């Protein structure tokens, strides 16, 4: 199977913001990832996510067992120049289905 080369059409901006708030004298900090796009850019990203979800990793010849299919989205190539580099990848490993060690399931 030929590897998919991402082609984002439309306009897409992905960036991180740092937040800080004072709650009764205690400072709380967190980060948000913002994904903004025009309709074409958002649809293009959605199509890319579906392609990533649907790919059969076992058919990707140059992907070793235990590796995960992924793609890079870069400013000035796929994203706006104000975007961060983004990697979109599969959580499940080829051949084993294992998730990586840092993953903490929801509600646990």
C-alpha atoms as a PDB file:
ATOM      1  CA  UNK A   1       0.000   0.000   0.000  1.00  0.00           C
ATOM      2  CA  UNK A   2       1.298   3.434  -0.893  1.00  0.00           C
ATOM      3  CA  UNK A   3       1.765   5.761   2.067  1.00  0.00           C
ATOM      4  CA  UNK A   4      -0.625   8.681   2.172  1.00  0.00           C
ATOM      5  CA  UNK A   5       0.953  12.098   1.807  1.00  0.00           C
ATOM      6  CA  UNK A   6      -1.125  14.655   3.669  1.00  0.00           C
ATOM      7  CA  UNK A   7      -2.594  17.382   1.570  1.00  0.00           C
ATOM      8  CA  UNK A   8      -4.433  19.956   3.600  1.00  0.00           C
ATOM      9  CA  UNK A   9      -6.557  22.221   1.466  1.00  0.00           C
ATOM     10  CA  UNK A  10      -8.167  25.401   2.698  1.00  0.00           C
ATOM     11  CA  UNK A  11      -6.814  27.227   5.715  1.00  0.00           C
ATOM     12  CA  UNK A  12      -5.847  25.510   8.942  1.00  0.00           C
ATOM     13  CA  UNK A  13      -4.155  26.989  12.019  1.00  0.00           C
ATOM     14  CA  UNK A  14      -3.073  24.785  14.946  1.00  0.00           C
ATOM     15  CA  UNK A  15      -1.397  26.355  17.960  1.00  0.00           C
ATOM     16  CA  UNK A  16      -0.945  26.084  21.730  1.00  0.00           C
ATOM     17  CA  UNK A  17      -1.880  28.706  24.301  1.00  0.00           C
ATOM     18  CA  UNK A  18      -0.782  28.863  27.923  1.00  0.00           C
ATOM     19  CA  UNK A  19      -3.482  29.755  30.439  1.00  0.00           C
ATOM     20  CA  UNK A  20      -3.238  30.912  34.013  1.00  0.00           C
ATOM     21  CA  UNK A  21      -5.980  31.694  36.506  1.00  0.00           C
ATOM     22  CA  UNK A  22      -6.039  32.671  40.174  1.00  0.00           C
ATOM     23  CA  UNK A  23      -8.500  30.635  42.250  1.00  0.00           C
ATOM     24  CA  UNK A  24      -8.587  31.949  45.822  1.00  0.00           C
ATOM     25  CA  UNK A  25      -4.882  32.756  45.796  1.00  0.00           C
ATOM     26  CA  UNK A  26      -3.883  29.490  44.143  1.00  0.00           C
ATOM     27  CA  UNK A  27      -2.533  29.831  40.605  1.00  0.00           C
ATOM     28  CA  UNK A  28      -3.751  27.171  38.192  1.00  0.00           C
ATOM     29  CA  UNK A  29      -1.965  26.726  34.881  1.00  0.00           C
ATOM     30  CA  UNK A  30      -2.944  24.704  31.845  1.00  0.00           C
ATOM     31  CA  UNK A  31      -2.392  24.572  28.116  1.00  0.00           C
ATOM     32  CA  UNK A  32      -4.936  24.383  25.318  1.00  0.00           C
ATOM     33  CA  UNK A  33      -4.414  23.228  21.761  1.00  0.00           C
ATOM     34  CA  UNK A  34      -6.510  25.295  19.367  1.00  0.00           C
ATOM     35  CA  UNK A  35      -7.467  23.940  15.954  1.00  0.00           C
ATOM     36  CA  UNK A  36      -9.057  26.606  13.790  1.00  0.00           C
ATOM     37  CA  UNK A  37      -9.857  26.460  10.114  1.00  0.00           C
ATOM     38  CA  UNK A  38     -12.169  27.579   7.414  1.00  0.00           C
ATOM     39  CA  UNK A  39     -14.748  24.985   6.279  1.00  0.00           C
ATOM     40  CA  UNK A  40     -12.442  23.580   3.579  1.00  0.00           C
ATOM     41  CA  UNK A  41      -9.483  23.318   5.973  1.00  0.00           C
ATOM     42  CA  UNK A  42     -11.521  21.578   8.680  1.00  0.00           C
ATOM     43  CA  UNK A  43     -13.036  19.144   6.163  1.00  0.00           C
ATOM     44  CA  UNK A  44      -9.572  18.425   4.807  1.00  0.00           C
ATOM     45  CA  UNK A  45      -8.270  17.670   8.314  1.00  0.00           C
ATOM     46  CA  UNK A  46     -11.305  15.452   8.965  1.00  0.00           C
ATOM     47  CA  UNK A  47     -10.628  13.497   5.765  1.00  0.00           C
ATOM     48  CA  UNK A  48      -6.999  13.065   6.805  1.00  0.00           C
ATOM     49  CA  UNK A  49      -8.043  11.730  10.230  1.00  0.00           C
ATOM     50  CA  UNK A  50     -10.409   9.251   8.579  1.00  0.00           C
ATOM     51  CA  UNK A  51      -7.644   8.049   6.233  1.00  0.00           C
ATOM     52  CA  UNK A  52      -5.346   7.562   9.244  1.00  0.00           C
ATOM     53  CA  UNK A  53      -8.057   5.630  11.094  1.00  0.00           C
ATOM     54  CA  UNK A  54      -8.864   3.427   8.109  1.00  0.00           C
ATOM     55  CA  UNK A  55      -5.325   2.496   7.061  1.00  0.00           C
ATOM     56  CA  UNK A  56      -4.438  -1.136   7.640  1.00  0.00           C
ATOM     57  CA  UNK A  57      -1.020  -0.818   9.273  1.00  0.00           C
ATOM     58  CA  UNK A  58      -0.260  -4.465   8.462  1.00  0.00           C
ATOM     59  CA  UNK A  59      -0.314  -3.540   4.761  1.00  0.00           C
ATOM     60  CA  UNK A  60       2.316  -0.799   5.185  1.00  0.00           C
ATOM     61  CA  UNK A  61       5.454  -2.677   4.099  1.00  0.00           C
ATOM     62  CA  UNK A  62       8.031  -0.192   5.405  1.00  0.00           C
ATOM     63  CA  UNK A  63       6.350   0.088   8.836  1.00  0.00           C
ATOM     64  CA  UNK A  64       8.026  -2.342  11.259  1.00  0.00           C
ATOM     65  CA  UNK A  65       5.991  -4.487  13.634  1.00  0.00           C
ATOM     66  CA  UNK A  66       5.445  -2.510  16.834  1.00  0.00           C
ATOM     67  CA  UNK A  67       5.613   0.877  15.063  1.00  0.00           C
ATOM     68  CA  UNK A  68       2.679   3.240  14.542  1.00  0.00           C
ATOM     69  CA  UNK A  69       1.620   4.922  11.320  1.00  0.00           C
ATOM     70  CA  UNK A  70       1.836   8.706  11.564  1.00  0.00           C
ATOM     71  CA  UNK A  71       2.008  11.841   9.474  1.00  0.00           C
ATOM     72  CA  UNK A  72       3.631  15.228   9.972  1.00  0.00           C
ATOM     73  CA  UNK A  73       1.811  18.482   9.294  1.00  0.00           C
ATOM     74  CA  UNK A  74       4.119  21.451   9.028  1.00  0.00           C
ATOM     75  CA  UNK A  75       3.740  25.213   8.805  1.00  0.00           C
ATOM     76  CA  UNK A  76       4.314  26.614   5.316  1.00  0.00           C
ATOM     77  CA  UNK A  77       3.566  23.180   3.841  1.00  0.00           C
ATOM     78  CA  UNK A  78       0.261  21.876   5.202  1.00  0.00           C
ATOM     79  CA  UNK A  79      -0.598  24.473   7.857  1.00  0.00           C
ATOM     80  CA  UNK A  80      -0.543  28.244   8.267  1.00  0.00           C
ATOM     81  CA  UNK A  81       2.787  29.883   9.045  1.00  0.00           C
ATOM     82  CA  UNK A  82       1.451  30.695  12.525  1.00  0.00           C
ATOM     83  CA  UNK A  83       0.893  26.998  13.322  1.00  0.00           C
ATOM     84  CA  UNK A  84       2.965  24.566  15.350  1.00  0.00           C
ATOM     85  CA  UNK A  85       4.370  21.354  13.895  1.00  0.00           C
ATOM     86  CA  UNK A  86       1.781  18.604  14.349  1.00  0.00           C
ATOM     87  CA  UNK A  87       2.123  14.812  14.294  1.00  0.00           C
ATOM     88  CA  UNK A  88      -1.044  12.774  13.878  1.00  0.00           C
ATOM     89  CA  UNK A  89      -0.625   9.095  14.553  1.00  0.00           C
ATOM     90  CA  UNK A  90      -2.204   5.804  15.418  1.00  0.00           C
ATOM     91  CA  UNK A  91      -2.260   4.778  19.057  1.00  0.00           C
ATOM     92  CA  UNK A  92      -2.240   1.064  18.261  1.00  0.00           C
ATOM     93  CA  UNK A  93       1.022  -0.528  17.121  1.00  0.00           C
ATOM     94  CA  UNK A  94       1.329  -2.540  13.926  1.00  0.00           C
ATOM     95  CA  UNK A  95       1.053  -6.264  14.513  1.00  0.00           C
ATOM     96  CA  UNK A  96       0.512  -6.053  18.273  1.00  0.00           C
ATOM     97  CA  UNK A  97      -2.207  -3.454  18.764  1.00  0.00           C
ATOM     98  CA  UNK A  98      -0.321  -2.299  21.868  1.00  0.00           C
ATOM     99  CA  UNK A  99      -0.587   1.302  23.025  1.00  0.00           C
ATOM    100  CA  UNK A 100       2.545   3.154  24.148  1.00  0.00           C
ATOM    101  CA  UNK A 101       3.465   3.271  27.848  1.00  0.00           C
ATOM    102  CA  UNK A 102       2.609   6.921  28.541  1.00  0.00           C
ATOM    103  CA  UNK A 103      -1.029   6.434  27.499  1.00  0.00           C
ATOM    104  CA  UNK A 104      -3.533   6.698  30.376  1.00  0.00           C
ATOM    105  CA  UNK A 105      -7.033   5.548  29.414  1.00  0.00           C
ATOM    106  CA  UNK A 106      -9.984   7.842  29.985  1.00  0.00           C
ATOM    107  CA  UNK A 107     -11.717   7.413  33.371  1.00  0.00           C
ATOM    108  CA  UNK A 108      -8.825   5.600  35.015  1.00  0.00           C
END
